[in-house]
Amino acid sequence: MKFYNFEIIIEKEEDDEGYFAYSPSLPGCVSNGRTIEEAKRNIRESLQQHIMSLHDHALPIPQNDRIVHVEELSIGVA
């Protein structure tokens, strides 16, 4: 079994209570969910299906070799 790593981005929906999820490495592979956790589960499933389709059609599976870390910081200003 081969493992692939993908960065995912989860953003708050503008006109909805849910969240939008996607991977910059696989344009067009998107998902969403009512919560961040649900969006993460759904994008994982979308990525798996997308990768399986690429694999089944003998197409390259894009990999982004850079490591990215995104974190939210709170900064207090008096």
PDB file of N, CA and C in Angstrom:
ATOM      1  N   MET A   1       0.832  -1.167   0.000  1.00  0.00           N
ATOM      2  CA  MET A   1       0.000   0.000   0.000  1.00  0.00           C
ATOM      3  C   MET A   1       0.888   1.244   0.000  1.00  0.00           C
ATOM      4  N   LYS A   2       0.567   2.176  -0.871  1.00  0.00           N
ATOM      5  CA  LYS A   2       1.313   3.434  -0.948  1.00  0.00           C
ATOM      6  C   LYS A   2       0.481   4.543  -0.317  1.00  0.00           C
ATOM      7  N   PHE A   3       1.150   5.426   0.406  1.00  0.00           N
ATOM      8  CA  PHE A   3       0.473   6.538   1.058  1.00  0.00           C
ATOM      9  C   PHE A   3       0.842   7.841   0.356  1.00  0.00           C
ATOM     10  N   TYR A   4      -0.119   8.734   0.265  1.00  0.00           N
ATOM     11  CA  TYR A   4       0.066  10.053  -0.330  1.00  0.00           C
ATOM     12  C   TYR A   4      -0.315  11.106   0.705  1.00  0.00           C
ATOM     13  N   ASN A   5       0.368  12.235   0.669  1.00  0.00           N
ATOM     14  CA  ASN A   5       0.080  13.330   1.590  1.00  0.00           C
ATOM     15  C   ASN A   5      -0.464  14.523   0.818  1.00  0.00           C
ATOM     16  N   PHE A   6      -1.509  15.108   1.345  1.00  0.00           N
ATOM     17  CA  PHE A   6      -2.122  16.278   0.724  1.00  0.00           C
ATOM     18  C   PHE A   6      -2.446  17.318   1.781  1.00  0.00           C
ATOM     19  N   GLU A   7      -2.128  18.568   1.472  1.00  0.00           N
ATOM     20  CA  GLU A   7      -2.585  19.653   2.324  1.00  0.00           C
ATOM     21  C   GLU A   7      -4.063  19.851   2.027  1.00  0.00           C
ATOM     22  N   ILE A   8      -4.827  20.153   3.063  1.00  0.00           N
ATOM     23  CA  ILE A   8      -6.222  20.512   2.851  1.00  0.00           C
ATOM     24  C   ILE A   8      -6.468  21.869   3.496  1.00  0.00           C
ATOM     25  N   ILE A   9      -7.411  22.569   2.931  1.00  0.00           N
ATOM     26  CA  ILE A   9      -7.819  23.862   3.460  1.00  0.00           C
ATOM     27  C   ILE A   9      -9.302  23.781   3.759  1.00  0.00           C
ATOM     28  N   ILE A  10      -9.669  24.222   4.942  1.00  0.00           N
ATOM     29  CA  ILE A  10     -11.066  24.248   5.339  1.00  0.00           C
ATOM     30  C   ILE A  10     -11.418  25.688   5.671  1.00  0.00           C
ATOM     31  N   GLU A  11     -12.418  26.192   4.984  1.00  0.00           N
ATOM     32  CA  GLU A  11     -12.830  27.577   5.173  1.00  0.00           C
ATOM     33  C   GLU A  11     -14.304  27.635   5.557  1.00  0.00           C
ATOM     34  N   LYS A  12     -14.660  28.637   6.327  1.00  0.00           N
ATOM     35  CA  LYS A  12     -16.052  28.861   6.691  1.00  0.00           C
ATOM     36  C   LYS A  12     -16.818  29.266   5.445  1.00  0.00           C
ATOM     37  N   GLU A  13     -17.987  28.659   5.220  1.00  0.00           N
ATOM     38  CA  GLU A  13     -18.838  29.050   4.100  1.00  0.00           C
ATOM     39  C   GLU A  13     -19.323  30.480   4.325  1.00  0.00           C
ATOM     40  N   GLU A  14     -19.340  31.279   3.275  1.00  0.00           N
ATOM     41  CA  GLU A  14     -19.758  32.676   3.411  1.00  0.00           C
ATOM     42  C   GLU A  14     -21.253  32.815   3.709  1.00  0.00           C
ATOM     43  N   ASP A  15     -22.074  32.068   2.988  1.00  0.00           N
ATOM     44  CA  ASP A  15     -23.525  32.225   3.091  1.00  0.00           C
ATOM     45  C   ASP A  15     -24.198  31.047   3.771  1.00  0.00           C
ATOM     46  N   ASP A  16     -23.440  30.287   4.568  1.00  0.00           N
ATOM     47  CA  ASP A  16     -23.966  29.066   5.160  1.00  0.00           C
ATOM     48  C   ASP A  16     -23.299  28.862   6.512  1.00  0.00           C
ATOM     49  N   GLU A  17     -23.857  27.971   7.298  1.00  0.00           N
ATOM     50  CA  GLU A  17     -23.255  27.658   8.595  1.00  0.00           C
ATOM     51  C   GLU A  17     -22.145  26.626   8.485  1.00  0.00           C
ATOM     52  N   GLY A  18     -21.974  26.033   7.314  1.00  0.00           N
ATOM     53  CA  GLY A  18     -21.018  24.950   7.151  1.00  0.00           C
ATOM     54  C   GLY A  18     -19.628  25.404   6.755  1.00  0.00           C
ATOM     55  N   TYR A  19     -18.816  24.410   6.354  1.00  0.00           N
ATOM     56  CA  TYR A  19     -17.415  24.618   6.001  1.00  0.00           C
ATOM     57  C   TYR A  19     -17.129  23.998   4.643  1.00  0.00           C
ATOM     58  N   PHE A  20     -16.267  24.643   3.873  1.00  0.00           N
ATOM     59  CA  PHE A  20     -15.845  24.224   2.547  1.00  0.00           C
ATOM     60  C   PHE A  20     -14.423  23.689   2.650  1.00  0.00           C
ATOM     61  N   ALA A  21     -14.147  22.526   2.055  1.00  0.00           N
ATOM     62  CA  ALA A  21     -12.822  21.911   2.140  1.00  0.00           C
ATOM     63  C   ALA A  21     -12.299  21.581   0.741  1.00  0.00           C
ATOM     64  N   TYR A  22     -10.978  21.767   0.555  1.00  0.00           N
ATOM     65  CA  TYR A  22     -10.357  21.437  -0.721  1.00  0.00           C
ATOM     66  C   TYR A  22      -8.863  21.231  -0.516  1.00  0.00           C
ATOM     67  N   SER A  23      -8.232  20.652  -1.542  1.00  0.00           N
ATOM     68  CA  SER A  23      -6.789  20.476  -1.528  1.00  0.00           C
ATOM     69  C   SER A  23      -6.214  21.231  -2.721  1.00  0.00           C
ATOM     70  N   PRO A  24      -5.278  22.166  -2.485  1.00  0.00           N
ATOM     71  CA  PRO A  24      -4.660  22.891  -3.604  1.00  0.00           C
ATOM     72  C   PRO A  24      -3.929  21.972  -4.578  1.00  0.00           C
ATOM     73  N   SER A  25      -3.504  20.795  -4.122  1.00  0.00           N
ATOM     74  CA  SER A  25      -2.770  19.860  -4.981  1.00  0.00           C
ATOM     75  C   SER A  25      -3.660  19.144  -5.983  1.00  0.00           C
ATOM     76  N   LEU A  26      -4.960  19.069  -5.695  1.00  0.00           N
ATOM     77  CA  LEU A  26      -5.904  18.377  -6.582  1.00  0.00           C
ATOM     78  C   LEU A  26      -7.058  19.305  -6.928  1.00  0.00           C
ATOM     79  N   PRO A  27      -6.846  20.236  -7.861  1.00  0.00           N
ATOM     80  CA  PRO A  27      -7.919  21.160  -8.233  1.00  0.00           C
ATOM     81  C   PRO A  27      -9.185  20.408  -8.636  1.00  0.00           C
ATOM     82  N   GLY A  28     -10.308  20.895  -8.172  1.00  0.00           N
ATOM     83  CA  GLY A  28     -11.584  20.273  -8.499  1.00  0.00           C
ATOM     84  C   GLY A  28     -12.029  19.239  -7.492  1.00  0.00           C
ATOM     85  N   CYS A  29     -11.148  18.814  -6.626  1.00  0.00           N
ATOM     86  CA  CYS A  29     -11.503  17.842  -5.584  1.00  0.00           C
ATOM     87  C   CYS A  29     -11.906  18.650  -4.351  1.00  0.00           C
ATOM     88  N   VAL A  30     -13.213  18.757  -4.141  1.00  0.00           N
ATOM     89  CA  VAL A  30     -13.747  19.591  -3.066  1.00  0.00           C
ATOM     90  C   VAL A  30     -14.792  18.831  -2.269  1.00  0.00           C
ATOM     91  N   SER A  31     -15.098  19.362  -1.108  1.00  0.00           N
ATOM     92  CA  SER A  31     -16.158  18.795  -0.287  1.00  0.00           C
ATOM     93  C   SER A  31     -16.607  19.863   0.705  1.00  0.00           C
ATOM     94  N   ASN A  32     -17.529  19.492   1.566  1.00  0.00           N
ATOM     95  CA  ASN A  32     -17.981  20.417   2.597  1.00  0.00           C
ATOM     96  C   ASN A  32     -18.563  19.626   3.766  1.00  0.00           C
ATOM     97  N   GLY A  33     -18.983  20.336   4.795  1.00  0.00           N
ATOM     98  CA  GLY A  33     -19.588  19.695   5.952  1.00  0.00           C
ATOM     99  C   GLY A  33     -20.173  20.736   6.882  1.00  0.00           C
ATOM    100  N   ARG A  34     -21.065  20.293   7.757  1.00  0.00           N
ATOM    101  CA  ARG A  34     -21.685  21.216   8.706  1.00  0.00           C
ATOM    102  C   ARG A  34     -20.712  21.670   9.784  1.00  0.00           C
ATOM    103  N   THR A  35     -19.721  20.822  10.096  1.00  0.00           N
ATOM    104  CA  THR A  35     -18.702  21.144  11.094  1.00  0.00           C
ATOM    105  C   THR A  35     -17.327  20.958  10.453  1.00  0.00           C
ATOM    106  N   ILE A  36     -16.292  21.449  11.135  1.00  0.00           N
ATOM    107  CA  ILE A  36     -14.932  21.254  10.632  1.00  0.00           C
ATOM    108  C   ILE A  36     -14.608  19.765  10.569  1.00  0.00           C
ATOM    109  N   GLU A  37     -14.970  19.019  11.593  1.00  0.00           N
ATOM    110  CA  GLU A  37     -14.689  17.578  11.609  1.00  0.00           C
ATOM    111  C   GLU A  37     -15.405  16.854  10.474  1.00  0.00           C
ATOM    112  N   GLU A  38     -16.648  17.222  10.209  1.00  0.00           N
ATOM    113  CA  GLU A  38     -17.384  16.598   9.111  1.00  0.00           C
ATOM    114  C   GLU A  38     -16.757  16.961   7.770  1.00  0.00           C
ATOM    115  N   ALA A  39     -16.324  18.209   7.614  1.00  0.00           N
ATOM    116  CA  ALA A  39     -15.656  18.621   6.382  1.00  0.00           C
ATOM    117  C   ALA A  39     -14.358  17.845   6.186  1.00  0.00           C
ATOM    118  N   LYS A  40     -13.611  17.606   7.276  1.00  0.00           N
ATOM    119  CA  LYS A  40     -12.373  16.817   7.185  1.00  0.00           C
ATOM    120  C   LYS A  40     -12.662  15.381   6.759  1.00  0.00           C
ATOM    121  N   ARG A  41     -13.686  14.781   7.343  1.00  0.00           N
ATOM    122  CA  ARG A  41     -14.055  13.412   6.947  1.00  0.00           C
ATOM    123  C   ARG A  41     -14.471  13.364   5.478  1.00  0.00           C
ATOM    124  N   ASN A  42     -15.264  14.342   5.061  1.00  0.00           N
ATOM    125  CA  ASN A  42     -15.774  14.351   3.687  1.00  0.00           C
ATOM    126  C   ASN A  42     -14.679  14.615   2.668  1.00  0.00           C
ATOM    127  N   ILE A  43     -13.730  15.511   2.965  1.00  0.00           N
ATOM    128  CA  ILE A  43     -12.655  15.758   2.004  1.00  0.00           C
ATOM    129  C   ILE A  43     -11.725  14.549   1.930  1.00  0.00           C
ATOM    130  N   ARG A  44     -11.544  13.847   3.034  1.00  0.00           N
ATOM    131  CA  ARG A  44     -10.734  12.621   3.001  1.00  0.00           C
ATOM    132  C   ARG A  44     -11.362  11.610   2.032  1.00  0.00           C
ATOM    133  N   GLU A  45     -12.671  11.438   2.117  1.00  0.00           N
ATOM    134  CA  GLU A  45     -13.377  10.512   1.222  1.00  0.00           C
ATOM    135  C   GLU A  45     -13.264  10.979  -0.232  1.00  0.00           C
ATOM    136  N   SER A  46     -13.424  12.280  -0.467  1.00  0.00           N
ATOM    137  CA  SER A  46     -13.291  12.821  -1.822  1.00  0.00           C
ATOM    138  C   SER A  46     -11.887  12.605  -2.379  1.00  0.00           C
ATOM    139  N   LEU A  47     -10.876  12.845  -1.541  1.00  0.00           N
ATOM    140  CA  LEU A  47      -9.490  12.626  -1.967  1.00  0.00           C
ATOM    141  C   LEU A  47      -9.245  11.154  -2.303  1.00  0.00           C
ATOM    142  N   GLN A  48      -9.743  10.251  -1.467  1.00  0.00           N
ATOM    143  CA  GLN A  48      -9.562   8.820  -1.728  1.00  0.00           C
ATOM    144  C   GLN A  48     -10.184   8.424  -3.055  1.00  0.00           C
ATOM    145  N   GLN A  49     -11.396   8.885  -3.311  1.00  0.00           N
ATOM    146  CA  GLN A  49     -12.065   8.554  -4.569  1.00  0.00           C
ATOM    147  C   GLN A  49     -11.329   9.154  -5.765  1.00  0.00           C
ATOM    148  N   HIS A  50     -10.882  10.385  -5.619  1.00  0.00           N
ATOM    149  CA  HIS A  50     -10.151  11.058  -6.698  1.00  0.00           C
ATOM    150  C   HIS A  50      -8.843  10.316  -7.010  1.00  0.00           C
ATOM    151  N   ILE A  51      -8.103   9.960  -5.970  1.00  0.00           N
ATOM    152  CA  ILE A  51      -6.829   9.261  -6.153  1.00  0.00           C
ATOM    153  C   ILE A  51      -7.042   7.881  -6.753  1.00  0.00           C
ATOM    154  N   MET A  52      -8.066   7.170  -6.287  1.00  0.00           N
ATOM    155  CA  MET A  52      -8.361   5.850  -6.848  1.00  0.00           C
ATOM    156  C   MET A  52      -8.688   5.955  -8.335  1.00  0.00           C
ATOM    157  N   SER A  53      -9.424   6.993  -8.725  1.00  0.00           N
ATOM    158  CA  SER A  53      -9.747   7.194 -10.137  1.00  0.00           C
ATOM    159  C   SER A  53      -8.490   7.474 -10.957  1.00  0.00           C
ATOM    160  N   LEU A  54      -7.609   8.344 -10.438  1.00  0.00           N
ATOM    161  CA  LEU A  54      -6.345   8.602 -11.135  1.00  0.00           C
ATOM    162  C   LEU A  54      -5.526   7.318 -11.274  1.00  0.00           C
ATOM    163  N   HIS A  55      -5.451   6.564 -10.191  1.00  0.00           N
ATOM    164  CA  HIS A  55      -4.693   5.305 -10.196  1.00  0.00           C
ATOM    165  C   HIS A  55      -5.284   4.319 -11.199  1.00  0.00           C
ATOM    166  N   ASP A  56      -6.599   4.168 -11.200  1.00  0.00           N
ATOM    167  CA  ASP A  56      -7.262   3.221 -12.110  1.00  0.00           C
ATOM    168  C   ASP A  56      -7.070   3.584 -13.576  1.00  0.00           C
ATOM    169  N   HIS A  57      -6.880   4.881 -13.866  1.00  0.00           N
ATOM    170  CA  HIS A  57      -6.680   5.322 -15.244  1.00  0.00           C
ATOM    171  C   HIS A  57      -5.198   5.539 -15.572  1.00  0.00           C
ATOM    172  N   ALA A  58      -4.328   5.063 -14.684  1.00  0.00           N
ATOM    173  CA  ALA A  58      -2.870   5.161 -14.866  1.00  0.00           C
ATOM    174  C   ALA A  58      -2.414   6.605 -15.083  1.00  0.00           C
ATOM    175  N   LEU A  59      -3.056   7.530 -14.373  1.00  0.00           N
ATOM    176  CA  LEU A  59      -2.679   8.934 -14.446  1.00  0.00           C
ATOM    177  C   LEU A  59      -1.799   9.276 -13.245  1.00  0.00           C
ATOM    178  N   PRO A  60      -0.940  10.268 -13.394  1.00  0.00           N
ATOM    179  CA  PRO A  60      -0.065  10.628 -12.273  1.00  0.00           C
ATOM    180  C   PRO A  60      -0.870  11.198 -11.103  1.00  0.00           C
ATOM    181  N   ILE A  61      -0.401  10.900  -9.918  1.00  0.00           N
ATOM    182  CA  ILE A  61      -1.017  11.432  -8.708  1.00  0.00           C
ATOM    183  C   ILE A  61      -0.106  12.556  -8.228  1.00  0.00           C
ATOM    184  N   PRO A  62      -0.573  13.803  -8.330  1.00  0.00           N
ATOM    185  CA  PRO A  62       0.286  14.928  -7.977  1.00  0.00           C
ATOM    186  C   PRO A  62       0.620  14.945  -6.494  1.00  0.00           C
ATOM    187  N   GLN A  63       1.863  15.225  -6.214  1.00  0.00           N
ATOM    188  CA  GLN A  63       2.320  15.335  -4.833  1.00  0.00           C
ATOM    189  C   GLN A  63       3.037  16.655  -4.671  1.00  0.00           C
ATOM    190  N   ASN A  64       2.704  17.348  -3.620  1.00  0.00           N
ATOM    191  CA  ASN A  64       3.371  18.598  -3.298  1.00  0.00           C
ATOM    192  C   ASN A  64       4.418  18.257  -2.253  1.00  0.00           C
ATOM    193  N   ASP A  65       5.688  18.437  -2.579  1.00  0.00           N
ATOM    194  CA  ASP A  65       6.767  18.018  -1.690  1.00  0.00           C
ATOM    195  C   ASP A  65       7.062  18.995  -0.559  1.00  0.00           C
ATOM    196  N   ARG A  66       6.449  20.146  -0.580  1.00  0.00           N
ATOM    197  CA  ARG A  66       6.728  21.100   0.492  1.00  0.00           C
ATOM    198  C   ARG A  66       5.827  20.809   1.690  1.00  0.00           C
ATOM    199  N   ILE A  67       6.360  21.044   2.840  1.00  0.00           N
ATOM    200  CA  ILE A  67       5.606  20.852   4.066  1.00  0.00           C
ATOM    201  C   ILE A  67       5.020  22.197   4.462  1.00  0.00           C
ATOM    202  N   VAL A  68       3.730  22.205   4.728  1.00  0.00           N
ATOM    203  CA  VAL A  68       3.037  23.434   5.081  1.00  0.00           C
ATOM    204  C   VAL A  68       2.357  23.238   6.418  1.00  0.00           C
ATOM    205  N   HIS A  69       2.440  24.252   7.241  1.00  0.00           N
ATOM    206  CA  HIS A  69       1.755  24.211   8.533  1.00  0.00           C
ATOM    207  C   HIS A  69       0.959  25.492   8.672  1.00  0.00           C
ATOM    208  N   VAL A  70      -0.328  25.365   8.922  1.00  0.00           N
ATOM    209  CA  VAL A  70      -1.189  26.522   9.117  1.00  0.00           C
ATOM    210  C   VAL A  70      -1.745  26.443  10.522  1.00  0.00           C
ATOM    211  N   GLU A  71      -1.680  27.555  11.214  1.00  0.00           N
ATOM    212  CA  GLU A  71      -2.154  27.590  12.594  1.00  0.00           C
ATOM    213  C   GLU A  71      -2.737  28.964  12.874  1.00  0.00           C
ATOM    214  N   GLU A  72      -3.749  29.011  13.693  1.00  0.00           N
ATOM    215  CA  GLU A  72      -4.343  30.277  14.087  1.00  0.00           C
ATOM    216  C   GLU A  72      -3.676  30.762  15.365  1.00  0.00           C
ATOM    217  N   LEU A  73      -3.306  32.044  15.397  1.00  0.00           N
ATOM    218  CA  LEU A  73      -2.705  32.651  16.575  1.00  0.00           C
ATOM    219  C   LEU A  73      -3.597  33.786  17.053  1.00  0.00           C
ATOM    220  N   SER A  74      -3.709  33.948  18.337  1.00  0.00           N
ATOM    221  CA  SER A  74      -4.421  35.092  18.925  1.00  0.00           C
ATOM    222  C   SER A  74      -3.394  36.068  19.468  1.00  0.00           C
ATOM    223  N   ILE A  75      -3.514  37.318  19.080  1.00  0.00           N
ATOM    224  CA  ILE A  75      -2.589  38.350  19.503  1.00  0.00           C
ATOM    225  C   ILE A  75      -3.384  39.423  20.236  1.00  0.00           C
ATOM    226  N   GLY A  76      -2.985  39.706  21.449  1.00  0.00           N
ATOM    227  CA  GLY A  76      -3.651  40.755  22.235  1.00  0.00           C
ATOM    228  C   GLY A  76      -2.928  42.067  22.093  1.00  0.00           C
ATOM    229  N   VAL A  77      -3.677  43.145  21.918  1.00  0.00           N
ATOM    230  CA  VAL A  77      -3.105  44.490  21.810  1.00  0.00           C
ATOM    231  C   VAL A  77      -3.847  45.377  22.806  1.00  0.00           C
ATOM    232  N   ALA A  78      -3.101  46.028  23.673  1.00  0.00           N
ATOM    233  CA  ALA A  78      -3.728  46.895  24.700  1.00  0.00           C
ATOM    234  C   ALA A  78      -3.869  48.302  24.202  1.00  0.00           C
TER     235      ALA A  78
END
